[in-house]
Amino acid sequence: MKILDLHGLTHEKAELEAEDFVLMQSQVEFFECKIITGNSNKMISRITEMLDRQGFSWYIPSWNLGEIIVSY
């Protein structure tokens, strides 16, 4: 599983990086990837809203609230 870590990025830069990342990963059929957001509610919200706009499926695992698992 490919992983993108957004630690240290501004919210704007993180959203752009995450969008590029998932769009590239989605070129493979049946893909799944992980985005590490950390525990910032604002960061999580921005990333999940972008994923919804792009039509991706995602979930935040109960064992790590600072990451998002993304698929189509």
N, C-alpha and C. Protein backbone atom coordinates (compact mmCIF):
# COMPACT_ATOMS: atom_id res chain seq x y z
N MET A 1 0.85 -1.17 0.00
CA MET A 1 0.00 0.00 0.00
C MET A 1 0.89 1.24 0.00
N LYS A 2 0.63 2.16 -0.91
CA LYS A 2 1.38 3.41 -0.98
C LYS A 2 0.91 4.34 0.14
N ILE A 3 1.84 5.13 0.67
CA ILE A 3 1.56 6.01 1.81
C ILE A 3 2.03 7.42 1.51
N LEU A 4 1.20 8.40 1.86
CA LEU A 4 1.57 9.82 1.79
C LEU A 4 1.48 10.39 3.20
N ASP A 5 2.56 11.01 3.65
CA ASP A 5 2.60 11.63 4.98
C ASP A 5 2.53 13.14 4.81
N LEU A 6 1.51 13.76 5.39
CA LEU A 6 1.28 15.20 5.23
C LEU A 6 1.85 16.03 6.37
N HIS A 7 2.53 15.41 7.31
CA HIS A 7 3.12 16.16 8.42
C HIS A 7 4.04 17.26 7.90
N GLY A 8 3.92 18.44 8.48
CA GLY A 8 4.80 19.56 8.15
C GLY A 8 4.32 20.42 6.99
N LEU A 9 3.23 20.03 6.33
CA LEU A 9 2.71 20.82 5.22
C LEU A 9 1.60 21.75 5.69
N THR A 10 1.44 22.87 5.00
CA THR A 10 0.28 23.73 5.28
C THR A 10 -0.97 22.99 4.83
N HIS A 11 -2.12 23.42 5.31
CA HIS A 11 -3.37 22.77 4.92
C HIS A 11 -3.59 22.85 3.41
N GLU A 12 -3.29 23.98 2.82
CA GLU A 12 -3.47 24.16 1.37
C GLU A 12 -2.55 23.23 0.59
N LYS A 13 -1.28 23.21 0.96
CA LYS A 13 -0.30 22.35 0.28
C LYS A 13 -0.65 20.87 0.48
N ALA A 14 -1.07 20.52 1.68
CA ALA A 14 -1.42 19.14 1.98
C ALA A 14 -2.60 18.68 1.12
N GLU A 15 -3.60 19.53 0.96
CA GLU A 15 -4.76 19.17 0.16
C GLU A 15 -4.35 18.93 -1.30
N LEU A 16 -3.52 19.80 -1.83
CA LEU A 16 -3.05 19.63 -3.21
C LEU A 16 -2.21 18.36 -3.37
N GLU A 17 -1.30 18.13 -2.43
CA GLU A 17 -0.45 16.93 -2.48
C GLU A 17 -1.31 15.66 -2.39
N ALA A 18 -2.29 15.67 -1.48
CA ALA A 18 -3.15 14.50 -1.31
C ALA A 18 -3.99 14.25 -2.56
N GLU A 19 -4.51 15.31 -3.16
CA GLU A 19 -5.31 15.15 -4.37
C GLU A 19 -4.46 14.56 -5.50
N ASP A 20 -3.28 15.09 -5.71
CA ASP A 20 -2.39 14.55 -6.74
C ASP A 20 -2.06 13.09 -6.46
N PHE A 21 -1.78 12.79 -5.20
CA PHE A 21 -1.41 11.43 -4.79
C PHE A 21 -2.53 10.43 -5.09
N VAL A 22 -3.75 10.72 -4.65
CA VAL A 22 -4.84 9.75 -4.86
C VAL A 22 -5.22 9.64 -6.33
N LEU A 23 -5.14 10.74 -7.07
CA LEU A 23 -5.43 10.66 -8.50
C LEU A 23 -4.40 9.79 -9.22
N MET A 24 -3.14 9.89 -8.83
CA MET A 24 -2.11 9.02 -9.43
C MET A 24 -2.31 7.57 -9.01
N GLN A 25 -2.59 7.33 -7.74
CA GLN A 25 -2.79 5.97 -7.27
C GLN A 25 -4.01 5.31 -7.90
N SER A 26 -5.03 6.10 -8.20
CA SER A 26 -6.28 5.56 -8.73
C SER A 26 -6.16 5.09 -10.18
N GLN A 27 -5.01 5.30 -10.80
CA GLN A 27 -4.79 4.82 -12.16
C GLN A 27 -4.67 3.29 -12.19
N VAL A 28 -4.42 2.70 -11.03
CA VAL A 28 -4.33 1.24 -10.91
C VAL A 28 -5.69 0.71 -10.46
N GLU A 29 -6.19 -0.29 -11.15
CA GLU A 29 -7.49 -0.87 -10.79
C GLU A 29 -7.42 -1.48 -9.39
N PHE A 30 -8.47 -1.30 -8.61
CA PHE A 30 -8.56 -1.84 -7.25
C PHE A 30 -7.45 -1.32 -6.34
N PHE A 31 -7.17 -0.05 -6.42
CA PHE A 31 -6.10 0.53 -5.60
C PHE A 31 -6.57 0.77 -4.17
N GLU A 32 -5.61 0.88 -3.29
CA GLU A 32 -5.84 1.31 -1.92
C GLU A 32 -4.57 2.03 -1.47
N CYS A 33 -4.73 3.16 -0.81
CA CYS A 33 -3.58 3.90 -0.33
C CYS A 33 -3.90 4.52 1.02
N LYS A 34 -2.86 5.02 1.67
CA LYS A 34 -3.00 5.59 3.01
C LYS A 34 -2.47 7.02 3.01
N ILE A 35 -3.24 7.92 3.62
CA ILE A 35 -2.81 9.30 3.81
C ILE A 35 -2.69 9.54 5.30
N ILE A 36 -1.49 9.91 5.74
CA ILE A 36 -1.26 10.21 7.14
C ILE A 36 -1.49 11.71 7.35
N THR A 37 -2.49 12.04 8.15
CA THR A 37 -2.86 13.44 8.37
C THR A 37 -2.41 13.96 9.71
N GLY A 38 -2.15 13.08 10.65
CA GLY A 38 -1.96 13.52 12.03
C GLY A 38 -3.33 13.75 12.65
N ASN A 39 -3.37 14.34 13.81
CA ASN A 39 -4.63 14.47 14.55
C ASN A 39 -5.30 15.82 14.40
N SER A 40 -4.93 16.59 13.40
CA SER A 40 -5.56 17.89 13.17
C SER A 40 -6.94 17.70 12.55
N ASN A 41 -7.96 18.10 13.27
CA ASN A 41 -9.33 17.98 12.75
C ASN A 41 -9.52 18.79 11.47
N LYS A 42 -8.88 19.96 11.40
CA LYS A 42 -8.99 20.78 10.20
C LYS A 42 -8.35 20.08 9.00
N MET A 43 -7.19 19.46 9.20
CA MET A 43 -6.51 18.74 8.12
C MET A 43 -7.37 17.56 7.66
N ILE A 44 -7.87 16.79 8.60
CA ILE A 44 -8.70 15.63 8.27
C ILE A 44 -9.93 16.08 7.49
N SER A 45 -10.55 17.15 7.93
CA SER A 45 -11.75 17.66 7.25
C SER A 45 -11.44 18.09 5.82
N ARG A 46 -10.37 18.82 5.63
CA ARG A 46 -10.00 19.27 4.27
C ARG A 46 -9.73 18.09 3.35
N ILE A 47 -9.03 17.09 3.85
CA ILE A 47 -8.68 15.94 3.01
C ILE A 47 -9.92 15.11 2.70
N THR A 48 -10.76 14.85 3.70
CA THR A 48 -11.96 14.04 3.44
C THR A 48 -12.95 14.76 2.53
N GLU A 49 -13.06 16.07 2.65
CA GLU A 49 -13.92 16.83 1.73
C GLU A 49 -13.41 16.73 0.30
N MET A 50 -12.09 16.81 0.11
CA MET A 50 -11.51 16.66 -1.23
C MET A 50 -11.79 15.26 -1.77
N LEU A 51 -11.62 14.24 -0.92
CA LEU A 51 -11.87 12.87 -1.36
C LEU A 51 -13.33 12.69 -1.77
N ASP A 52 -14.25 13.28 -1.02
CA ASP A 52 -15.67 13.22 -1.38
C ASP A 52 -15.92 13.90 -2.72
N ARG A 53 -15.34 15.08 -2.92
CA ARG A 53 -15.51 15.79 -4.20
C ARG A 53 -15.01 14.97 -5.38
N GLN A 54 -13.93 14.24 -5.17
CA GLN A 54 -13.34 13.43 -6.24
C GLN A 54 -14.00 12.06 -6.39
N GLY A 55 -14.90 11.71 -5.48
CA GLY A 55 -15.65 10.46 -5.59
C GLY A 55 -14.93 9.23 -5.07
N PHE A 56 -13.96 9.41 -4.18
CA PHE A 56 -13.24 8.28 -3.60
C PHE A 56 -13.96 7.75 -2.37
N SER A 57 -13.78 6.46 -2.11
CA SER A 57 -14.23 5.86 -0.86
C SER A 57 -13.08 5.97 0.14
N TRP A 58 -13.40 6.18 1.39
CA TRP A 58 -12.35 6.33 2.40
C TRP A 58 -12.92 5.98 3.77
N TYR A 59 -12.02 5.67 4.68
CA TYR A 59 -12.40 5.48 6.08
C TYR A 59 -11.21 5.82 6.96
N ILE A 60 -11.53 6.16 8.18
CA ILE A 60 -10.52 6.44 9.20
C ILE A 60 -10.54 5.26 10.17
N PRO A 61 -9.46 4.48 10.22
CA PRO A 61 -9.47 3.30 11.07
C PRO A 61 -9.51 3.66 12.56
N SER A 62 -10.24 2.87 13.32
CA SER A 62 -10.40 3.15 14.76
C SER A 62 -9.08 3.02 15.52
N TRP A 63 -8.15 2.26 14.99
CA TRP A 63 -6.87 2.06 15.67
C TRP A 63 -5.87 3.18 15.42
N ASN A 64 -6.17 4.08 14.44
CA ASN A 64 -5.27 5.22 14.19
C ASN A 64 -6.09 6.35 13.56
N LEU A 65 -6.53 7.29 14.38
CA LEU A 65 -7.38 8.37 13.92
C LEU A 65 -6.62 9.42 13.11
N GLY A 66 -5.31 9.26 12.98
CA GLY A 66 -4.49 10.20 12.23
C GLY A 66 -4.15 9.74 10.84
N GLU A 67 -4.92 8.77 10.32
CA GLU A 67 -4.69 8.32 8.94
C GLU A 67 -6.02 8.05 8.26
N ILE A 68 -5.99 8.11 6.94
CA ILE A 68 -7.17 7.85 6.13
C ILE A 68 -6.80 6.79 5.09
N ILE A 69 -7.61 5.76 4.99
CA ILE A 69 -7.42 4.72 3.98
C ILE A 69 -8.37 5.05 2.82
N VAL A 70 -7.82 5.09 1.61
CA VAL A 70 -8.58 5.54 0.44
C VAL A 70 -8.63 4.43 -0.61
N SER A 71 -9.79 4.30 -1.26
CA SER A 71 -9.95 3.37 -2.37
C SER A 71 -11.02 3.94 -3.31
N TYR A 72 -11.29 3.23 -4.39
CA TYR A 72 -12.33 3.66 -5.32
C TYR A 72 -13.61 2.96 -5.00
